[in-house]
Amino acid sequence: MIVVTTPTGQIGREVVDRLLDALEGAPGIRVIARDPARLPARVRERVEVVPGSHADPVVLKEACAGADRLFWLVPPTPSADSVEGHFRAFTEPLREVTAGQGVERIVGVSTLGRPVAKNAGQISASLAMDEAIAAMGVHYRALCPPFLMENLLGQAESIGTSGVFFLAAAEDRVLRTCATRDIGATAARLLLDGTWTGQDDVPLVGPDDLTPEGMARVVSEVLDRPVRFQAVSSADYKATLLSHGVSEAWSRGLADMVDALRDQGFYGAGAPSTPETAPTGFRQWCEEVLRPAVMATGSQG
C-alpha cells in the first residue's frame, strides 16, 4: 500500500496521477486529504481516502495502517506563527506514528541546499525535516528541486496585463528551475520501486541555465509579446507578503530564504542539471503550462 499526502496540491496531484496511470497489478493507493471533495472523480473512484490532515497523529496512523510506502510533503501554511514549528508539527507525528507501523520507504519533497544553506527560512526547516526523518532509520529519498516553474503561475495575470513578472532574484545570475511534473514523476517511480534502500538526496534540476532576464526573453517569445522581469528586494518581498495577510513569521522566513539564495547561491549555476530526473525545459513548460494560464486570465494585452 502506498500513502500519498497533499493529493490535491501541485506536486501531490502529479504523484497520484502517475501512480494511477502505472498501477496495473501494483500496490493500492491511499491518500490523506483535508477536503476529499477537491479530489477529481477519477481519483476518488480508485483510491482509499482518509479525510483530515497528516499533522494529526490519529489521521496519519489510520492512513499508514498496513502501508509500506509513503509520499511525504509538508504543505506551506502562510498563516503559521513559526516556520520551524510548522515543520515540526508535521514531522513529529510522522516519527511517532510510523514507528512499528510497517512503513519502510518514504519519499519526501525537500530542496537543494544541503550542506550549503544557512539561516534560509523555509529551506532550512525543510532540511531539518530531512534529518529528522533520516534519524527514524527508514529508507528515505529526499527530492531536492530548486525554484519551481509553477511559482510563476501566481503572476499569470500580471504577465498578461502588464507584461511583467517579479522575483526576488538577481537579474544577471542563473536561477535553476524545475517543473512539478518532474517531481511527481520521480516520486511515483520511487514509490513503485520496492527495491531501493538507504537514505539519499535526489536532485531535480532542469536543463536550463537561464537568468531571470533570460526567462523573461523565453516568456516573451512563447507569448509573442514583450515580457520583462522586475527584481524586488527581500524587504519589499516581505512587505508585499505581509500586505496580503501572510504571517510575520512566514514572511520573515521567505525573506531569509531569498537572502540565503542570493548570498549562498545554491539554486545557481553551480547546481548541475539532472536530465534523468528533471527533463522539462523552461520553454516547454511555458508553452504547455504558462501560456494557457495567461490566456485563461483573459488579459493578453
Protein backbone atom coordinates (compact mmCIF):
# COMPACT_ATOMS: atom_id res chain seq x y z
CA MET A 1 0.00 0.00 0.00
CA ILE A 2 1.24 3.48 -0.96
CA VAL A 3 0.11 6.50 1.08
CA VAL A 4 0.15 9.94 -0.56
CA THR A 5 -0.09 13.22 1.34
CA THR A 6 -1.25 16.54 -0.23
CA PRO A 7 -3.07 14.77 -3.11
CA THR A 8 -4.78 18.00 -4.21
CA GLY A 9 -1.61 20.11 -4.18
CA GLN A 10 0.55 21.00 -7.17
CA ILE A 11 3.01 18.18 -6.55
CA GLY A 12 0.80 15.66 -4.77
CA ARG A 13 -1.75 15.52 -7.57
CA GLU A 14 1.06 14.86 -10.05
CA VAL A 15 2.18 11.93 -7.89
CA VAL A 16 -1.33 10.47 -7.69
CA ASP A 17 -1.95 10.82 -11.43
CA ARG A 18 1.25 8.99 -12.30
CA LEU A 19 0.60 6.25 -9.80
CA LEU A 20 -2.88 5.71 -11.19
CA ASP A 21 -1.51 5.60 -14.74
CA ALA A 22 1.02 2.96 -13.73
CA LEU A 23 -0.92 0.88 -11.23
CA GLU A 24 -1.83 -2.30 -13.04
CA GLY A 25 -1.38 -5.06 -10.51
CA ALA A 26 0.79 -2.77 -8.36
CA PRO A 27 0.15 -1.73 -4.73
CA GLY A 28 -3.03 0.12 -3.82
CA ILE A 29 -3.13 3.82 -3.08
CA ARG A 30 -4.42 5.62 -0.01
CA VAL A 31 -4.49 9.42 0.20
CA ILE A 32 -4.82 11.85 3.09
CA ALA A 33 -6.98 14.81 2.08
CA ARG A 34 -8.18 17.77 4.11
CA ASP A 35 -11.03 18.25 1.65
CA PRO A 36 -11.83 15.00 -0.19
CA ALA A 37 -14.36 16.87 -2.35
CA ARG A 38 -11.44 18.54 -4.14
CA LEU A 39 -10.19 15.19 -5.41
CA PRO A 40 -11.07 14.51 -9.06
CA ALA A 41 -13.68 11.82 -9.63
CA ARG A 42 -11.04 9.60 -11.24
CA VAL A 43 -9.04 9.68 -8.03
CA ARG A 44 -11.98 9.21 -5.64
CA GLU A 45 -13.09 6.16 -7.59
CA ARG A 46 -9.72 4.41 -7.49
CA VAL A 47 -8.06 5.21 -4.15
CA GLU A 48 -8.83 4.94 -0.48
CA VAL A 49 -9.38 8.36 1.10
CA VAL A 50 -8.59 9.24 4.70
CA PRO A 51 -10.05 12.68 5.50
CA GLY A 52 -8.01 15.10 7.60
CA SER A 53 -4.51 16.48 7.99
CA HIS A 54 -1.34 14.41 8.07
CA ALA A 55 -0.23 16.57 11.02
CA ASP A 56 -2.94 14.78 13.04
CA PRO A 57 -1.45 11.60 14.57
CA VAL A 58 -4.84 9.85 14.54
CA VAL A 59 -5.34 10.55 10.83
CA LEU A 60 -1.76 9.61 9.98
CA LYS A 61 -1.97 6.36 11.92
CA GLU A 62 -5.17 5.36 10.14
CA ALA A 63 -3.66 6.16 6.75
CA CYS A 64 -0.42 4.30 7.39
CA ALA A 65 -2.01 1.11 8.73
CA GLY A 66 -0.80 -1.72 6.51
CA ALA A 67 1.17 0.63 4.24
CA ASP A 68 4.83 0.18 3.40
CA ARG A 69 5.49 3.31 1.28
CA LEU A 70 4.73 6.96 1.90
CA PHE A 71 4.92 10.14 -0.15
CA TRP A 72 5.59 13.00 2.26
CA LEU A 73 5.23 16.74 1.73
CA VAL A 74 4.78 19.45 4.36
CA PRO A 75 2.29 21.93 2.85
CA PRO A 76 3.12 25.64 3.01
CA THR A 77 0.96 27.48 5.51
CA PRO A 78 1.26 31.26 5.17
CA SER A 79 -0.65 31.80 8.41
CA ALA A 80 1.84 29.78 10.52
CA ASP A 81 3.26 31.62 13.53
CA SER A 82 6.57 29.72 13.29
CA VAL A 83 8.30 28.22 10.26
CA GLU A 84 10.28 25.70 12.30
CA GLY A 85 7.25 24.93 14.45
CA HIS A 86 5.13 24.31 11.36
CA PHE A 87 7.53 21.70 10.01
CA ARG A 88 7.87 20.08 13.43
CA ALA A 89 4.08 19.89 13.75
CA PHE A 90 4.07 17.52 10.78
CA THR A 91 7.36 15.71 11.30
CA GLU A 92 6.90 14.76 14.95
CA PRO A 93 3.64 12.85 14.33
CA LEU A 94 5.35 11.12 11.41
CA ARG A 95 8.15 9.92 13.66
CA GLU A 96 5.70 8.77 16.33
CA VAL A 97 3.19 7.07 14.09
CA THR A 98 5.35 5.25 11.57
CA ALA A 99 7.47 3.53 14.23
CA GLY A 100 6.23 -0.03 14.17
CA GLN A 101 3.58 0.69 11.52
CA GLY A 102 5.42 -1.11 8.74
CA VAL A 103 6.29 1.95 6.63
CA GLU A 104 9.64 1.02 5.13
CA ARG A 105 10.18 3.64 2.44
CA ILE A 106 9.47 7.38 2.48
CA VAL A 107 9.82 9.71 -0.49
CA GLY A 108 9.78 13.32 0.70
CA VAL A 109 9.87 16.70 -1.02
CA SER A 110 12.80 18.78 0.20
CA THR A 111 15.06 21.29 -1.57
CA LEU A 112 18.52 21.89 -2.91
CA GLY A 113 20.88 23.46 -0.42
CA ARG A 114 22.45 20.74 1.68
CA PRO A 115 25.05 21.35 3.10
CA VAL A 116 25.23 24.96 1.86
CA ALA A 117 22.04 26.61 3.11
CA LYS A 118 22.31 28.52 6.38
CA ASN A 119 19.62 30.65 8.03
CA ALA A 120 17.47 30.09 4.96
CA GLY A 121 13.96 30.17 6.40
CA GLN A 122 11.69 27.51 4.92
CA ILE A 123 14.66 25.86 3.19
CA SER A 124 16.48 25.36 6.48
CA ALA A 125 13.30 23.98 8.07
CA SER A 126 12.88 21.54 5.20
CA LEU A 127 16.44 20.29 5.50
CA ALA A 128 15.96 19.84 9.26
CA MET A 129 12.87 17.75 8.43
CA ASP A 130 15.04 15.50 6.26
CA GLU A 131 17.44 14.94 9.12
CA ALA A 132 14.59 14.05 11.46
CA ILE A 133 13.16 11.53 9.01
CA ALA A 134 16.58 10.02 8.33
CA ALA A 135 17.04 9.55 12.08
CA MET A 136 13.98 7.26 12.04
CA GLY A 137 16.06 4.64 10.24
CA VAL A 138 13.64 4.21 7.32
CA HIS A 139 14.72 4.03 3.70
CA TYR A 140 14.41 7.63 2.55
CA ARG A 141 14.75 9.63 -0.63
CA ALA A 142 14.65 13.43 -0.32
CA LEU A 143 13.60 15.03 -3.61
CA CYS A 144 15.59 18.25 -4.00
CA PRO A 145 14.35 20.76 -6.58
CA PRO A 146 15.42 24.40 -6.91
CA PHE A 147 12.98 27.19 -7.92
CA LEU A 148 9.66 25.74 -9.11
CA MET A 149 8.50 26.95 -12.50
CA GLU A 150 4.94 26.85 -11.17
CA ASN A 151 5.78 29.75 -8.85
CA LEU A 152 5.22 31.97 -11.89
CA LEU A 153 1.59 30.88 -12.27
CA GLY A 154 0.53 33.22 -9.49
CA GLN A 155 1.70 36.09 -11.71
CA ALA A 156 -0.15 34.98 -14.86
CA GLU A 157 -2.44 38.00 -14.74
CA SER A 158 0.44 40.43 -14.29
CA ILE A 159 2.28 38.82 -17.17
CA GLY A 160 -0.80 39.07 -19.36
CA THR A 161 -1.91 42.56 -18.34
CA SER A 162 1.33 44.41 -17.68
CA GLY A 163 3.94 42.22 -19.35
CA VAL A 164 5.98 41.86 -16.18
CA PHE A 165 6.78 39.28 -13.51
CA PHE A 166 8.53 39.93 -10.22
CA LEU A 167 11.19 37.83 -8.50
CA ALA A 168 13.41 38.46 -5.51
CA ALA A 169 16.45 37.37 -7.52
CA ALA A 170 19.43 38.94 -9.25
CA GLU A 171 18.65 39.72 -12.89
CA ASP A 172 22.01 38.51 -14.23
CA ARG A 173 22.57 35.33 -12.17
CA VAL A 174 21.44 31.86 -13.24
CA LEU A 175 18.35 30.64 -11.42
CA ARG A 176 17.94 26.87 -11.69
CA THR A 177 14.35 25.68 -12.14
CA CYS A 178 12.24 22.53 -12.03
CA ALA A 179 8.70 21.65 -13.15
CA THR A 180 6.39 19.97 -10.65
CA ARG A 181 5.56 17.31 -13.26
CA ASP A 182 9.15 16.07 -12.95
CA ILE A 183 8.94 15.94 -9.16
CA GLY A 184 5.73 13.93 -9.42
CA ALA A 185 7.18 11.54 -11.99
CA THR A 186 10.33 10.91 -9.94
CA ALA A 187 8.32 10.40 -6.75
CA ALA A 188 5.97 7.93 -8.45
CA ARG A 189 8.88 5.97 -9.89
CA LEU A 190 10.47 5.62 -6.47
CA LEU A 191 7.18 4.74 -4.78
CA LEU A 192 6.56 1.96 -7.30
CA ASP A 193 10.05 0.54 -6.79
CA GLY A 194 10.23 -1.56 -3.65
CA THR A 195 13.91 -2.43 -4.02
CA TRP A 196 15.87 0.73 -3.19
CA THR A 197 17.43 1.05 0.22
CA GLY A 198 19.31 3.53 2.37
CA GLN A 199 18.98 7.30 2.50
CA ASP A 200 19.93 9.78 -0.19
CA ASP A 201 19.11 13.09 -1.85
CA VAL A 202 17.68 13.13 -5.38
CA PRO A 203 18.44 16.47 -7.09
CA LEU A 204 15.85 17.61 -9.65
CA VAL A 205 17.46 20.40 -11.67
CA GLY A 206 16.05 21.33 -15.07
CA PRO A 207 18.15 21.56 -18.24
CA ASP A 208 18.24 25.37 -18.46
CA ASP A 209 20.89 27.84 -17.32
CA LEU A 210 18.70 30.92 -17.57
CA THR A 211 18.93 34.13 -15.59
CA PRO A 212 15.62 35.84 -14.73
CA GLU A 213 16.22 38.13 -17.70
CA GLY A 214 16.71 35.06 -19.86
CA MET A 215 13.47 33.62 -18.51
CA ALA A 216 11.70 36.83 -19.48
CA ARG A 217 13.03 36.50 -23.05
CA VAL A 218 11.67 32.97 -23.27
CA VAL A 219 8.27 34.04 -21.91
CA SER A 220 8.21 36.91 -24.43
CA GLU A 221 8.90 34.55 -27.31
CA VAL A 222 6.31 32.00 -26.20
CA LEU A 223 3.60 34.64 -25.66
CA ASP A 224 4.70 36.62 -28.73
CA ARG A 225 4.64 39.87 -26.77
CA PRO A 226 7.16 41.76 -24.61
CA VAL A 227 7.52 40.49 -21.04
CA ARG A 228 10.13 41.80 -18.65
CA PHE A 229 11.49 40.73 -15.30
CA GLN A 230 11.42 43.12 -12.33
CA ALA A 231 13.74 42.43 -9.41
CA VAL A 232 12.46 43.08 -5.89
CA SER A 233 14.44 43.19 -2.64
CA SER A 234 13.85 40.75 0.17
CA ALA A 235 12.49 43.63 2.27
CA ASP A 236 9.98 44.59 -0.42
CA TYR A 237 9.08 40.94 -0.88
CA LYS A 238 8.39 40.61 2.83
CA ALA A 239 6.31 43.79 2.85
CA THR A 240 4.21 42.51 -0.05
CA LEU A 241 3.61 39.21 1.73
CA LEU A 242 2.54 40.99 4.91
CA SER A 243 0.15 43.19 2.91
CA HIS A 244 -1.52 40.03 1.61
CA GLY A 245 -2.13 38.65 5.09
CA VAL A 246 0.88 36.33 5.38
CA SER A 247 2.08 35.97 8.96
CA GLU A 248 5.14 37.81 10.23
CA ALA A 249 6.99 34.53 10.83
CA TRP A 250 6.23 33.04 7.41
CA SER A 251 7.08 36.32 5.65
CA ARG A 252 10.35 36.63 7.55
CA GLY A 253 11.24 33.04 6.69
CA LEU A 254 10.70 33.64 2.98
CA ALA A 255 12.73 36.85 3.11
CA ASP A 256 15.55 34.96 4.86
CA MET A 257 15.30 32.30 2.15
CA VAL A 258 15.67 34.95 -0.57
CA ASP A 259 18.73 36.43 1.14
CA ALA A 260 20.29 32.98 1.51
CA LEU A 261 19.69 32.16 -2.16
CA ARG A 262 21.34 35.44 -3.14
CA ASP A 263 24.32 35.13 -0.82
CA GLN A 264 24.89 31.37 -0.88
CA GLY A 265 23.90 30.62 -4.47
CA PHE A 266 22.66 27.06 -4.09
CA TYR A 267 19.95 27.49 -6.76
CA GLY A 268 22.51 28.95 -9.15
CA ALA A 269 24.87 27.90 -11.91
CA GLY A 270 26.85 25.67 -9.55
CA ALA A 271 23.96 23.20 -9.39
CA PRO A 272 24.38 20.76 -12.32
CA SER A 273 21.35 19.80 -14.38
CA THR A 274 19.89 16.33 -13.81
CA PRO A 275 18.11 15.39 -17.05
CA GLU A 276 17.23 11.91 -15.82
CA THR A 277 15.05 13.34 -13.03
CA ALA A 278 14.14 16.80 -14.39
CA PRO A 279 13.91 16.74 -18.20
CA THR A 280 11.32 19.51 -18.66
CA GLY A 281 12.81 22.67 -20.10
CA PHE A 282 11.55 26.15 -19.24
CA ARG A 283 10.39 26.87 -22.81
CA GLN A 284 8.42 23.65 -22.94
CA TRP A 285 6.79 24.46 -19.61
CA CYS A 286 5.93 27.98 -20.76
CA GLU A 287 4.30 26.60 -23.92
CA GLU A 288 2.35 23.88 -22.18
CA VAL A 289 1.51 25.44 -18.81
CA LEU A 290 2.20 29.18 -18.54
CA ARG A 291 0.72 30.28 -21.87
CA PRO A 292 -2.65 28.56 -21.23
CA ALA A 293 -2.70 30.07 -17.73
CA VAL A 294 -2.08 33.58 -19.07
CA MET A 295 -4.73 33.12 -21.76
CA ALA A 296 -7.21 31.91 -19.15
CA THR A 297 -6.94 35.22 -17.30
CA GLY A 298 -8.31 37.00 -20.37
CA SER A 299 -5.56 39.59 -20.10
CA GLN A 300 -3.18 39.44 -23.03
CA GLY A 301 -2.52 42.99 -23.99
